[in-house]
PDB file of all heavy atoms in Angstrom:
ATOM      1  N   THR A   1       0.796  -0.368  -7.765  1.00  0.00           N
ATOM      2  CA  THR A   1       1.509   0.416  -6.736  1.00  0.00           C
ATOM      3  C   THR A   1       0.616   0.609  -5.583  1.00  0.00           C
ATOM      4  O   THR A   1      -0.516   1.112  -5.694  1.00  0.00           O
ATOM      5  CB  THR A   1       1.951   1.764  -7.299  1.00  0.00           C
ATOM      6  OG1 THR A   1       2.762   1.500  -8.466  1.00  0.00           O
ATOM      7  CG2 THR A   1       2.698   2.604  -6.324  1.00  0.00           C
ATOM      8  N   ALA A   2       1.080   0.241  -4.420  1.00  0.00           N
ATOM      9  CA  ALA A   2       0.249   0.330  -3.219  1.00  0.00           C
ATOM     10  C   ALA A   2       0.513   1.619  -2.481  1.00  0.00           C
ATOM     11  O   ALA A   2       1.701   2.022  -2.314  1.00  0.00           O
ATOM     12  CB  ALA A   2       0.446  -0.864  -2.303  1.00  0.00           C
ATOM     13  N   ARG A   3      -0.570   2.248  -1.978  1.00  0.00           N
ATOM     14  CA  ARG A   3      -0.446   3.454  -1.150  1.00  0.00           C
ATOM     15  C   ARG A   3      -0.570   3.114   0.304  1.00  0.00           C
ATOM     16  O   ARG A   3      -1.632   2.681   0.783  1.00  0.00           O
ATOM     17  CB  ARG A   3      -1.497   4.520  -1.519  1.00  0.00           C
ATOM     18  CG  ARG A   3      -1.259   5.845  -0.841  1.00  0.00           C
ATOM     19  CD  ARG A   3      -2.098   6.953  -1.377  1.00  0.00           C
ATOM     20  NE  ARG A   3      -3.541   6.774  -1.160  1.00  0.00           N
ATOM     21  CZ  ARG A   3      -4.399   6.446  -2.139  1.00  0.00           C
ATOM     22  NH1 ARG A   3      -4.043   6.200  -3.338  1.00  0.00           N
ATOM     23  NH2 ARG A   3      -5.656   6.271  -1.847  1.00  0.00           N
ATOM     24  N   LEU A   4       0.503   3.198   1.013  1.00  0.00           N
ATOM     25  CA  LEU A   4       0.482   2.857   2.440  1.00  0.00           C
ATOM     26  C   LEU A   4      -0.315   3.959   3.255  1.00  0.00           C
ATOM     27  O   LEU A   4      -0.501   5.026   2.833  1.00  0.00           O
ATOM     28  CB  LEU A   4       1.954   2.806   2.954  1.00  0.00           C
ATOM     29  CG  LEU A   4       2.839   1.662   2.423  1.00  0.00           C
ATOM     30  CD1 LEU A   4       4.230   1.807   2.901  1.00  0.00           C
ATOM     31  CD2 LEU A   4       2.242   0.321   2.595  1.00  0.00           C
ATOM     32  N   ALA A   5      -0.694   3.534   4.473  1.00  0.00           N
ATOM     33  CA  ALA A   5      -1.489   4.412   5.253  1.00  0.00           C
ATOM     34  C   ALA A   5      -0.683   5.687   5.626  1.00  0.00           C
ATOM     35  O   ALA A   5      -1.377   6.744   5.839  1.00  0.00           O
ATOM     36  CB  ALA A   5      -1.849   3.665   6.588  1.00  0.00           C
ATOM     37  N   ASP A   6       0.655   5.614   5.602  1.00  0.00           N
ATOM     38  CA  ASP A   6       1.365   6.822   5.904  1.00  0.00           C
ATOM     39  C   ASP A   6       1.622   7.744   4.705  1.00  0.00           C
ATOM     40  O   ASP A   6       2.318   8.739   4.721  1.00  0.00           O
ATOM     41  CB  ASP A   6       2.737   6.565   6.608  1.00  0.00           C
ATOM     42  CG  ASP A   6       3.598   5.670   5.699  1.00  0.00           C
ATOM     43  OD1 ASP A   6       3.233   5.444   4.489  1.00  0.00           O
ATOM     44  OD2 ASP A   6       4.550   5.101   6.194  1.00  0.00           O
ATOM     45  N   GLY A   7       1.033   7.353   3.548  1.00  0.00           N
ATOM     46  CA  GLY A   7       1.080   8.200   2.356  1.00  0.00           C
ATOM     47  C   GLY A   7       2.199   7.722   1.381  1.00  0.00           C
ATOM     48  O   GLY A   7       2.202   8.154   0.158  1.00  0.00           O
ATOM     49  N   ARG A   8       3.131   6.871   1.760  1.00  0.00           N
ATOM     50  CA  ARG A   8       4.158   6.414   0.882  1.00  0.00           C
ATOM     51  C   ARG A   8       3.568   5.451  -0.148  1.00  0.00           C
ATOM     52  O   ARG A   8       2.566   4.737   0.149  1.00  0.00           O
ATOM     53  CB  ARG A   8       5.253   5.736   1.677  1.00  0.00           C
ATOM     54  CG  ARG A   8       6.093   6.688   2.557  1.00  0.00           C
ATOM     55  CD  ARG A   8       7.212   5.972   3.204  1.00  0.00           C
ATOM     56  NE  ARG A   8       6.753   4.975   4.195  1.00  0.00           N
ATOM     57  CZ  ARG A   8       7.021   3.616   3.973  1.00  0.00           C
ATOM     58  NH1 ARG A   8       7.716   3.232   3.042  1.00  0.00           N
ATOM     59  NH2 ARG A   8       6.533   2.812   4.965  1.00  0.00           N
ATOM     60  N   GLU A   9       4.214   5.418  -1.356  1.00  0.00           N
ATOM     61  CA  GLU A   9       3.782   4.465  -2.367  1.00  0.00           C
ATOM     62  C   GLU A   9       4.943   3.462  -2.660  1.00  0.00           C
ATOM     63  O   GLU A   9       6.025   3.841  -2.750  1.00  0.00           O
ATOM     64  CB  GLU A   9       3.472   5.200  -3.664  1.00  0.00           C
ATOM     65  CG  GLU A   9       2.158   5.992  -3.595  1.00  0.00           C
ATOM     66  CD  GLU A   9       1.671   6.525  -4.929  1.00  0.00           C
ATOM     67  OE1 GLU A   9       2.424   6.382  -5.914  1.00  0.00           O
ATOM     68  OE2 GLU A   9       0.661   7.166  -4.998  1.00  0.00           O
ATOM     69  N   VAL A  10       4.536   2.156  -2.599  1.00  0.00           N
ATOM     70  CA  VAL A  10       5.540   1.109  -2.861  1.00  0.00           C
ATOM     71  C   VAL A  10       4.913   0.142  -3.826  1.00  0.00           C
ATOM     72  O   VAL A  10       3.704   0.053  -4.119  1.00  0.00           O
ATOM     73  CB  VAL A  10       5.875   0.422  -1.605  1.00  0.00           C
ATOM     74  CG1 VAL A  10       6.554   1.319  -0.600  1.00  0.00           C
ATOM     75  CG2 VAL A  10       4.609  -0.322  -0.935  1.00  0.00           C
ATOM     76  N   ALA A  11       5.745  -0.657  -4.518  1.00  0.00           N
ATOM     77  CA  ALA A  11       5.264  -1.696  -5.403  1.00  0.00           C
ATOM     78  C   ALA A  11       4.528  -2.787  -4.580  1.00  0.00           C
ATOM     79  O   ALA A  11       4.987  -3.116  -3.520  1.00  0.00           O
ATOM     80  CB  ALA A  11       6.452  -2.273  -6.250  1.00  0.00           C
ATOM     81  N   ALA A  12       3.489  -3.266  -5.207  1.00  0.00           N
ATOM     82  CA  ALA A  12       2.728  -4.356  -4.470  1.00  0.00           C
ATOM     83  C   ALA A  12       3.657  -5.525  -4.129  1.00  0.00           C
ATOM     84  O   ALA A  12       3.404  -6.204  -3.105  1.00  0.00           O
ATOM     85  CB  ALA A  12       1.539  -4.832  -5.312  1.00  0.00           C
ATOM     86  N   SER A  13       4.555  -5.893  -4.953  1.00  0.00           N
ATOM     87  CA  SER A  13       5.479  -6.963  -4.690  1.00  0.00           C
ATOM     88  C   SER A  13       6.355  -6.801  -3.446  1.00  0.00           C
ATOM     89  O   SER A  13       7.007  -7.688  -2.941  1.00  0.00           O
ATOM     90  CB  SER A  13       6.373  -7.255  -5.905  1.00  0.00           C
ATOM     91  OG  SER A  13       7.145  -6.092  -6.193  1.00  0.00           O
ATOM     92  N   GLU A  14       6.513  -5.532  -3.001  1.00  0.00           N
ATOM     93  CA  GLU A  14       7.349  -5.220  -1.845  1.00  0.00           C
ATOM     94  C   GLU A  14       6.582  -5.229  -0.541  1.00  0.00           C
ATOM     95  O   GLU A  14       7.124  -5.086   0.553  1.00  0.00           O
ATOM     96  CB  GLU A  14       8.008  -3.896  -1.992  1.00  0.00           C
ATOM     97  CG  GLU A  14       8.950  -3.810  -3.207  1.00  0.00           C
ATOM     98  CD  GLU A  14       9.527  -2.388  -3.404  1.00  0.00           C
ATOM     99  OE1 GLU A  14       9.239  -1.593  -2.563  1.00  0.00           O
ATOM    100  OE2 GLU A  14      10.213  -2.196  -4.402  1.00  0.00           O
ATOM    101  N   LEU A  15       5.197  -5.427  -0.602  1.00  0.00           N
ATOM    102  CA  LEU A  15       4.452  -5.464   0.590  1.00  0.00           C
ATOM    103  C   LEU A  15       4.779  -6.707   1.482  1.00  0.00           C
ATOM    104  O   LEU A  15       4.979  -7.772   0.913  1.00  0.00           O
ATOM    105  CB  LEU A  15       2.943  -5.461   0.243  1.00  0.00           C
ATOM    106  CG  LEU A  15       2.333  -4.199  -0.399  1.00  0.00           C
ATOM    107  CD1 LEU A  15       0.954  -4.423  -0.825  1.00  0.00           C
ATOM    108  CD2 LEU A  15       2.453  -2.989   0.592  1.00  0.00           C
ATOM    109  N   THR A  16       4.812  -6.499   2.778  1.00  0.00           N
ATOM    110  CA  THR A  16       4.945  -7.624   3.655  1.00  0.00           C
ATOM    111  C   THR A  16       3.829  -7.706   4.626  1.00  0.00           C
ATOM    112  O   THR A  16       2.970  -6.815   4.746  1.00  0.00           O
ATOM    113  CB  THR A  16       6.383  -7.454   4.480  1.00  0.00           C
ATOM    114  OG1 THR A  16       6.248  -6.184   5.206  1.00  0.00           O
ATOM    115  CG2 THR A  16       7.540  -7.359   3.526  1.00  0.00           C
ATOM    116  N   ARG A  17       3.740  -8.800   5.333  1.00  0.00           N
ATOM    117  CA  ARG A  17       2.724  -9.083   6.234  1.00  0.00           C
ATOM    118  C   ARG A  17       2.702  -7.964   7.299  1.00  0.00           C
ATOM    119  O   ARG A  17       3.709  -7.675   7.886  1.00  0.00           O
ATOM    120  CB  ARG A  17       2.936 -10.463   6.889  1.00  0.00           C
ATOM    121  CG  ARG A  17       1.747 -10.894   7.769  1.00  0.00           C
ATOM    122  CD  ARG A  17       2.061 -12.207   8.388  1.00  0.00           C
ATOM    123  NE  ARG A  17       0.979 -12.838   9.100  1.00  0.00           N
ATOM    124  CZ  ARG A  17       0.217 -13.748   8.647  1.00  0.00           C
ATOM    125  NH1 ARG A  17       0.439 -14.307   7.428  1.00  0.00           N
ATOM    126  NH2 ARG A  17      -0.816 -14.274   9.346  1.00  0.00           N
ATOM    127  N   GLY A  18       1.583  -7.379   7.525  1.00  0.00           N
ATOM    128  CA  GLY A  18       1.347  -6.348   8.506  1.00  0.00           C
ATOM    129  C   GLY A  18       1.269  -4.900   7.984  1.00  0.00           C
ATOM    130  O   GLY A  18       0.886  -4.023   8.727  1.00  0.00           O
ATOM    131  N   ASP A  19       1.703  -4.738   6.737  1.00  0.00           N
ATOM    132  CA  ASP A  19       1.545  -3.412   6.067  1.00  0.00           C
ATOM    133  C   ASP A  19       0.089  -3.038   5.957  1.00  0.00           C
ATOM    134  O   ASP A  19      -0.751  -3.893   5.806  1.00  0.00           O
ATOM    135  CB  ASP A  19       2.227  -3.446   4.646  1.00  0.00           C
ATOM    136  CG  ASP A  19       3.688  -3.404   4.766  1.00  0.00           C
ATOM    137  OD1 ASP A  19       4.231  -3.067   5.787  1.00  0.00           O
ATOM    138  OD2 ASP A  19       4.369  -3.721   3.711  1.00  0.00           O
ATOM    139  N   VAL A  20      -0.150  -1.741   6.034  1.00  0.00           N
ATOM    140  CA  VAL A  20      -1.474  -1.214   5.950  1.00  0.00           C
ATOM    141  C   VAL A  20      -1.593  -0.314   4.739  1.00  0.00           C
ATOM    142  O   VAL A  20      -0.735   0.566   4.575  1.00  0.00           O
ATOM    143  CB  VAL A  20      -1.901  -0.438   7.229  1.00  0.00           C
ATOM    144  CG1 VAL A  20      -3.309   0.175   7.111  1.00  0.00           C
ATOM    145  CG2 VAL A  20      -1.833  -1.316   8.465  1.00  0.00           C
ATOM    146  N   VAL A  21      -2.553  -0.635   3.874  1.00  0.00           N
ATOM    147  CA  VAL A  21      -2.664   0.174   2.614  1.00  0.00           C
ATOM    148  C   VAL A  21      -4.106   0.703   2.518  1.00  0.00           C
ATOM    149  O   VAL A  21      -5.047   0.137   3.103  1.00  0.00           O
ATOM    150  CB  VAL A  21      -2.415  -0.713   1.395  1.00  0.00           C
ATOM    151  CG1 VAL A  21      -0.997  -1.209   1.397  1.00  0.00           C
ATOM    152  CG2 VAL A  21      -3.358  -1.956   1.297  1.00  0.00           C
ATOM    153  N   VAL A  22      -4.226   1.792   1.787  1.00  0.00           N
ATOM    154  CA  VAL A  22      -5.510   2.471   1.498  1.00  0.00           C
ATOM    155  C   VAL A  22      -5.951   2.161   0.127  1.00  0.00           C
ATOM    156  O   VAL A  22      -5.148   2.370  -0.817  1.00  0.00           O
ATOM    157  CB  VAL A  22      -5.404   3.944   1.802  1.00  0.00           C
ATOM    158  CG1 VAL A  22      -6.794   4.606   1.564  1.00  0.00           C
ATOM    159  CG2 VAL A  22      -4.971   4.269   3.218  1.00  0.00           C
ATOM    160  N   VAL A  23      -7.146   1.669  -0.145  1.00  0.00           N
ATOM    161  CA  VAL A  23      -7.635   1.357  -1.423  1.00  0.00           C
ATOM    162  C   VAL A  23      -8.974   2.183  -1.734  1.00  0.00           C
ATOM    163  O   VAL A  23      -9.867   1.981  -0.821  1.00  0.00           O
ATOM    164  CB  VAL A  23      -7.833  -0.093  -1.656  1.00  0.00           C
ATOM    165  CG1 VAL A  23      -8.036  -0.412  -3.174  1.00  0.00           C
ATOM    166  CG2 VAL A  23      -6.605  -0.834  -1.177  1.00  0.00           C
ATOM    167  N   GLU A  24      -9.009   2.978  -2.728  1.00  0.00           N
ATOM    168  CA  GLU A  24     -10.263   3.614  -3.027  1.00  0.00           C
ATOM    169  C   GLU A  24     -10.933   3.110  -4.328  1.00  0.00           C
ATOM    170  O   GLU A  24     -10.404   2.256  -4.978  1.00  0.00           O
ATOM    171  CB  GLU A  24      -9.976   5.165  -3.180  1.00  0.00           C
ATOM    172  CG  GLU A  24      -9.324   5.766  -1.936  1.00  0.00           C
ATOM    173  CD  GLU A  24      -9.101   7.202  -1.961  1.00  0.00           C
ATOM    174  OE1 GLU A  24      -9.251   7.771  -3.074  1.00  0.00           O
ATOM    175  OE2 GLU A  24      -8.828   7.887  -0.961  1.00  0.00           O
ATOM    176  N   ALA A  25     -12.194   3.680  -4.508  1.00  0.00           N
ATOM    177  CA  ALA A  25     -12.959   3.185  -5.697  1.00  0.00           C
ATOM    178  C   ALA A  25     -12.118   3.281  -7.005  1.00  0.00           C
ATOM    179  O   ALA A  25     -11.397   4.262  -7.305  1.00  0.00           O
ATOM    180  CB  ALA A  25     -14.183   4.099  -5.844  1.00  0.00           C
ATOM    181  N   GLY A  26     -12.174   2.220  -7.738  1.00  0.00           N
ATOM    182  CA  GLY A  26     -11.558   2.101  -9.062  1.00  0.00           C
ATOM    183  C   GLY A  26     -10.168   1.534  -9.014  1.00  0.00           C
ATOM    184  O   GLY A  26      -9.482   1.323  -9.985  1.00  0.00           O
TER     185      GLY A  26
END
C-alpha cells in the first residue's frame, strides 16, 4: 500500500506515472 504525498493511501498496483509517494525506513 503506497502512501501518497497528500496523505492518501492507495494500492501499489493503482499507481500511475507521475504519482508522488513517501517511503520511510522499513
